[in-house]
């Protein structure tokens, strides 16, 4: 499914969209769970450097394991040479590009 450009753009947008921003010196504790006020919840979930950076800083294992699994499955589909019309070629290129972008992030 990741061989299609439209799905690749959706995955890229979900991963690399910066999300809600807040200053790095902002600190507020959660007083009640669940947070009922939607605006307050969004404010509490915001990060100073974006959602992906926050995931890399706080829990990188989950993200890295998922990217490695994607790369493994894409390489398993390799037929030995690049064929643009097959599903393996564009999928391998996309997953490699995605992994490099996340490492560079």
N, C-alpha and C. Protein backbone atom coordinates (compact mmCIF):
# COMPACT_ATOMS: atom_id res chain seq x y z
N UNK A 1 0.81 -1.19 0.00
CA UNK A 1 0.00 0.00 0.00
C UNK A 1 0.86 1.26 0.00
N UNK A 2 2.05 1.20 0.60
CA UNK A 2 2.91 2.38 0.64
C UNK A 2 3.58 2.68 -0.70
N UNK A 3 3.30 1.90 -1.71
CA UNK A 3 3.86 2.19 -3.03
C UNK A 3 3.12 3.35 -3.69
N UNK A 4 1.90 3.65 -3.24
CA UNK A 4 1.14 4.75 -3.85
C UNK A 4 1.58 6.09 -3.25
N UNK A 5 1.71 7.06 -4.12
CA UNK A 5 2.20 8.38 -3.72
C UNK A 5 1.26 9.07 -2.73
N UNK A 6 -0.04 8.89 -2.90
CA UNK A 6 -1.00 9.57 -2.02
C UNK A 6 -0.87 9.07 -0.58
N UNK A 7 -0.67 7.77 -0.39
CA UNK A 7 -0.50 7.24 0.96
C UNK A 7 0.85 7.66 1.55
N UNK A 8 1.87 7.73 0.71
CA UNK A 8 3.18 8.21 1.17
C UNK A 8 3.08 9.64 1.68
N UNK A 9 2.32 10.47 0.98
CA UNK A 9 2.15 11.87 1.42
C UNK A 9 1.39 11.95 2.74
N UNK A 10 0.43 11.08 2.94
CA UNK A 10 -0.32 11.06 4.20
C UNK A 10 0.58 10.65 5.36
N UNK A 11 1.40 9.62 5.16
CA UNK A 11 2.32 9.18 6.22
C UNK A 11 3.33 10.28 6.53
N UNK A 12 3.87 10.92 5.49
CA UNK A 12 4.83 12.02 5.70
C UNK A 12 4.18 13.17 6.46
N UNK A 13 2.96 13.51 6.10
CA UNK A 13 2.27 14.61 6.78
C UNK A 13 2.01 14.27 8.24
N UNK A 14 1.64 13.03 8.52
CA UNK A 14 1.37 12.63 9.90
C UNK A 14 2.65 12.63 10.74
N UNK A 15 3.76 12.22 10.15
CA UNK A 15 5.01 12.15 10.92
C UNK A 15 5.69 13.49 11.08
N UNK A 16 5.73 14.28 10.03
CA UNK A 16 6.57 15.48 10.05
C UNK A 16 5.81 16.78 10.28
N UNK A 17 4.50 16.70 10.49
CA UNK A 17 3.75 17.91 10.80
C UNK A 17 4.15 18.39 12.18
N UNK A 18 4.46 19.67 12.34
CA UNK A 18 4.99 20.14 13.63
C UNK A 18 4.00 20.08 14.79
N UNK A 19 2.72 20.21 14.55
CA UNK A 19 1.76 20.14 15.63
C UNK A 19 1.70 21.43 16.43
N UNK A 20 1.02 21.37 17.56
CA UNK A 20 0.86 22.55 18.42
C UNK A 20 2.20 22.91 19.05
N UNK A 21 2.47 24.21 19.18
CA UNK A 21 3.73 24.68 19.74
C UNK A 21 3.49 25.33 21.08
N UNK A 22 4.47 25.18 21.97
CA UNK A 22 4.45 25.91 23.24
C UNK A 22 5.89 26.27 23.58
N UNK A 23 6.11 27.30 24.36
CA UNK A 23 7.48 27.68 24.74
C UNK A 23 8.16 26.58 25.55
N UNK A 24 9.47 26.50 25.45
CA UNK A 24 10.20 25.44 26.15
C UNK A 24 10.18 25.63 27.67
N UNK A 25 9.94 26.85 28.14
CA UNK A 25 9.92 27.08 29.59
C UNK A 25 8.50 26.94 30.17
N UNK A 26 7.54 26.53 29.35
CA UNK A 26 6.16 26.36 29.81
C UNK A 26 6.06 25.14 30.70
N UNK A 27 5.38 25.28 31.82
CA UNK A 27 5.19 24.14 32.72
C UNK A 27 3.81 24.26 33.34
N UNK A 28 3.02 23.22 33.18
CA UNK A 28 1.71 23.17 33.80
C UNK A 28 1.42 21.72 34.14
N UNK A 29 0.96 21.48 35.35
CA UNK A 29 0.65 20.13 35.77
C UNK A 29 -0.81 19.80 35.47
N UNK A 30 -1.06 18.54 35.22
CA UNK A 30 -2.43 18.08 35.01
C UNK A 30 -3.07 17.90 36.38
N UNK A 31 -4.16 18.61 36.60
CA UNK A 31 -4.82 18.57 37.90
C UNK A 31 -5.90 17.49 37.98
N UNK A 32 -6.51 17.17 36.85
CA UNK A 32 -7.56 16.16 36.84
C UNK A 32 -7.46 15.32 35.57
N UNK A 33 -7.81 14.05 35.73
CA UNK A 33 -7.79 13.13 34.59
C UNK A 33 -9.17 12.49 34.51
N UNK A 34 -9.81 12.48 33.40
CA UNK A 34 -9.42 13.01 32.10
C UNK A 34 -9.59 14.52 32.03
N UNK A 35 -8.82 15.14 31.15
CA UNK A 35 -8.95 16.58 30.92
C UNK A 35 -10.17 16.78 30.02
N UNK A 36 -11.17 17.45 30.54
CA UNK A 36 -12.44 17.59 29.84
C UNK A 36 -12.39 18.73 28.83
N UNK A 37 -11.73 19.80 29.18
CA UNK A 37 -11.66 20.97 28.30
C UNK A 37 -10.74 20.67 27.12
N UNK A 38 -11.29 20.68 25.91
CA UNK A 38 -10.54 20.32 24.70
C UNK A 38 -9.38 21.29 24.44
N UNK A 39 -9.59 22.58 24.67
CA UNK A 39 -8.51 23.56 24.44
C UNK A 39 -7.35 23.33 25.41
N UNK A 40 -7.68 23.06 26.66
CA UNK A 40 -6.63 22.81 27.66
C UNK A 40 -5.88 21.52 27.34
N UNK A 41 -6.59 20.50 26.88
CA UNK A 41 -5.96 19.25 26.50
C UNK A 41 -4.97 19.46 25.34
N UNK A 42 -5.39 20.19 24.33
CA UNK A 42 -4.50 20.45 23.20
C UNK A 42 -3.28 21.27 23.65
N UNK A 43 -3.48 22.19 24.55
CA UNK A 43 -2.37 23.00 25.07
C UNK A 43 -1.39 22.13 25.86
N UNK A 44 -1.91 21.19 26.64
CA UNK A 44 -1.05 20.30 27.42
C UNK A 44 -0.28 19.33 26.53
N UNK A 45 -0.85 18.95 25.39
CA UNK A 45 -0.20 18.00 24.49
C UNK A 45 0.78 18.66 23.53
N UNK A 46 0.83 19.97 23.50
CA UNK A 46 1.75 20.66 22.60
C UNK A 46 3.20 20.52 23.07
N UNK A 47 4.14 20.67 22.14
CA UNK A 47 5.56 20.50 22.45
C UNK A 47 6.35 21.68 21.90
N UNK A 48 7.54 21.96 22.46
CA UNK A 48 8.32 23.10 21.96
C UNK A 48 8.99 22.85 20.62
N UNK A 49 9.22 21.60 20.23
CA UNK A 49 9.94 21.33 18.99
C UNK A 49 9.16 20.46 18.01
N UNK A 50 7.93 20.15 18.27
CA UNK A 50 7.14 19.33 17.37
C UNK A 50 6.94 17.93 17.91
N UNK A 51 5.95 17.27 17.37
CA UNK A 51 5.55 15.96 17.87
C UNK A 51 6.60 14.89 17.60
N UNK A 52 7.16 14.87 16.39
CA UNK A 52 8.14 13.84 16.06
C UNK A 52 9.39 13.98 16.93
N UNK A 53 9.86 15.20 17.12
CA UNK A 53 11.04 15.41 17.96
C UNK A 53 10.76 14.95 19.39
N UNK A 54 9.55 15.21 19.86
CA UNK A 54 9.17 14.78 21.20
C UNK A 54 9.18 13.26 21.30
N UNK A 55 8.68 12.56 20.28
CA UNK A 55 8.70 11.09 20.28
C UNK A 55 10.14 10.57 20.26
N UNK A 56 11.00 11.20 19.48
CA UNK A 56 12.39 10.77 19.41
C UNK A 56 13.09 10.99 20.75
N UNK A 57 12.78 12.10 21.40
CA UNK A 57 13.42 12.41 22.67
C UNK A 57 12.90 11.56 23.82
N UNK A 58 11.59 11.29 23.85
CA UNK A 58 10.98 10.62 25.00
C UNK A 58 10.90 9.10 24.86
N UNK A 59 10.60 8.60 23.68
CA UNK A 59 10.46 7.15 23.51
C UNK A 59 10.90 6.75 22.10
N UNK A 60 12.19 6.78 21.84
CA UNK A 60 12.67 6.49 20.49
C UNK A 60 12.54 5.03 20.08
N UNK A 61 12.48 4.11 21.03
CA UNK A 61 12.45 2.68 20.70
C UNK A 61 11.26 2.31 19.83
N UNK A 62 10.10 2.82 20.15
CA UNK A 62 8.90 2.48 19.39
C UNK A 62 9.03 2.95 17.94
N UNK A 63 9.43 4.18 17.76
CA UNK A 63 9.57 4.73 16.42
C UNK A 63 10.64 4.00 15.62
N UNK A 64 11.78 3.77 16.21
CA UNK A 64 12.88 3.11 15.51
C UNK A 64 12.51 1.67 15.16
N UNK A 65 11.87 0.96 16.08
CA UNK A 65 11.45 -0.42 15.80
C UNK A 65 10.47 -0.49 14.63
N UNK A 66 9.54 0.45 14.58
CA UNK A 66 8.57 0.47 13.48
C UNK A 66 9.24 0.76 12.14
N UNK A 67 10.18 1.69 12.13
CA UNK A 67 10.88 2.02 10.88
C UNK A 67 11.73 0.84 10.43
N UNK A 68 12.40 0.17 11.37
CA UNK A 68 13.21 -1.00 11.02
C UNK A 68 12.33 -2.11 10.46
N UNK A 69 11.14 -2.32 11.05
CA UNK A 69 10.22 -3.34 10.53
C UNK A 69 9.77 -2.98 9.11
N UNK A 70 9.48 -1.70 8.87
CA UNK A 70 9.09 -1.28 7.53
C UNK A 70 10.21 -1.53 6.54
N UNK A 71 11.44 -1.22 6.91
CA UNK A 71 12.58 -1.46 6.02
C UNK A 71 12.77 -2.95 5.76
N UNK A 72 12.67 -3.75 6.80
CA UNK A 72 12.81 -5.20 6.63
C UNK A 72 11.76 -5.77 5.67
N UNK A 73 10.53 -5.33 5.83
CA UNK A 73 9.46 -5.85 4.97
C UNK A 73 9.61 -5.36 3.53
N UNK A 74 10.10 -4.13 3.37
CA UNK A 74 10.31 -3.62 2.02
C UNK A 74 11.43 -4.38 1.33
N UNK A 75 12.52 -4.64 2.05
CA UNK A 75 13.65 -5.37 1.47
C UNK A 75 13.26 -6.82 1.18
N UNK A 76 12.39 -7.40 1.99
CA UNK A 76 11.91 -8.76 1.72
C UNK A 76 11.19 -8.85 0.38
N UNK A 77 10.61 -7.74 -0.06
CA UNK A 77 9.90 -7.73 -1.34
C UNK A 77 10.83 -7.52 -2.54
N UNK A 78 12.11 -7.31 -2.28
CA UNK A 78 13.06 -7.02 -3.35
C UNK A 78 13.15 -8.19 -4.33
N UNK A 79 13.11 -7.85 -5.63
CA UNK A 79 13.18 -8.88 -6.67
C UNK A 79 14.57 -8.98 -7.28
N UNK A 80 15.51 -8.17 -6.83
CA UNK A 80 16.88 -8.27 -7.33
C UNK A 80 17.31 -7.12 -8.20
N UNK A 81 16.37 -6.44 -8.85
CA UNK A 81 16.70 -5.26 -9.63
C UNK A 81 15.52 -4.31 -9.61
N UNK A 82 15.81 -3.04 -9.83
CA UNK A 82 14.76 -2.03 -9.74
C UNK A 82 13.84 -2.08 -10.96
N UNK A 83 12.57 -2.19 -10.70
CA UNK A 83 11.54 -2.11 -11.74
C UNK A 83 10.50 -1.12 -11.23
N UNK A 84 10.39 0.00 -11.90
CA UNK A 84 9.49 1.06 -11.43
C UNK A 84 8.03 0.67 -11.43
N UNK A 85 7.66 -0.29 -12.25
CA UNK A 85 6.25 -0.69 -12.32
C UNK A 85 5.87 -1.72 -11.26
N UNK A 86 6.87 -2.37 -10.66
CA UNK A 86 6.54 -3.34 -9.60
C UNK A 86 6.32 -2.59 -8.29
N UNK A 87 5.75 -3.27 -7.31
CA UNK A 87 5.47 -2.62 -6.04
C UNK A 87 6.72 -2.50 -5.16
N UNK A 88 7.71 -3.33 -5.40
CA UNK A 88 8.85 -3.34 -4.50
C UNK A 88 9.77 -2.13 -4.71
N UNK A 89 9.95 -1.69 -5.94
CA UNK A 89 10.87 -0.58 -6.22
C UNK A 89 10.50 0.71 -5.51
N UNK A 90 9.31 1.26 -5.78
CA UNK A 90 8.91 2.49 -5.11
C UNK A 90 8.80 2.34 -3.59
N UNK A 91 8.40 1.16 -3.12
CA UNK A 91 8.27 0.92 -1.68
C UNK A 91 9.64 0.96 -0.99
N UNK A 92 10.64 0.33 -1.60
CA UNK A 92 11.99 0.35 -1.03
C UNK A 92 12.54 1.76 -1.01
N UNK A 93 12.35 2.50 -2.10
CA UNK A 93 12.83 3.88 -2.15
C UNK A 93 12.14 4.75 -1.10
N UNK A 94 10.83 4.60 -0.95
CA UNK A 94 10.12 5.41 0.02
C UNK A 94 10.53 5.09 1.45
N UNK A 95 10.59 3.81 1.81
CA UNK A 95 10.95 3.47 3.19
C UNK A 95 12.38 3.88 3.51
N UNK A 96 13.27 3.77 2.54
CA UNK A 96 14.65 4.24 2.76
C UNK A 96 14.67 5.75 2.96
N UNK A 97 13.94 6.47 2.11
CA UNK A 97 13.88 7.94 2.24
C UNK A 97 13.27 8.33 3.59
N UNK A 98 12.21 7.63 4.01
CA UNK A 98 11.57 7.91 5.29
C UNK A 98 12.53 7.68 6.46
N UNK A 99 13.26 6.57 6.42
CA UNK A 99 14.22 6.26 7.48
C UNK A 99 15.32 7.31 7.55
N UNK A 100 15.82 7.73 6.40
CA UNK A 100 16.89 8.74 6.37
C UNK A 100 16.38 10.08 6.90
N UNK A 101 15.14 10.44 6.54
CA UNK A 101 14.57 11.69 7.05
C UNK A 101 14.41 11.66 8.56
N UNK A 102 14.00 10.52 9.10
CA UNK A 102 13.81 10.43 10.56
C UNK A 102 15.16 10.45 11.27
N UNK A 103 16.16 9.76 10.72
CA UNK A 103 17.50 9.79 11.32
C UNK A 103 18.06 11.22 11.28
N UNK A 104 17.82 11.93 10.19
CA UNK A 104 18.30 13.30 10.06
C UNK A 104 17.55 14.28 10.92
N UNK A 105 16.37 13.90 11.37
CA UNK A 105 15.55 14.79 12.19
C UNK A 105 16.17 14.95 13.55
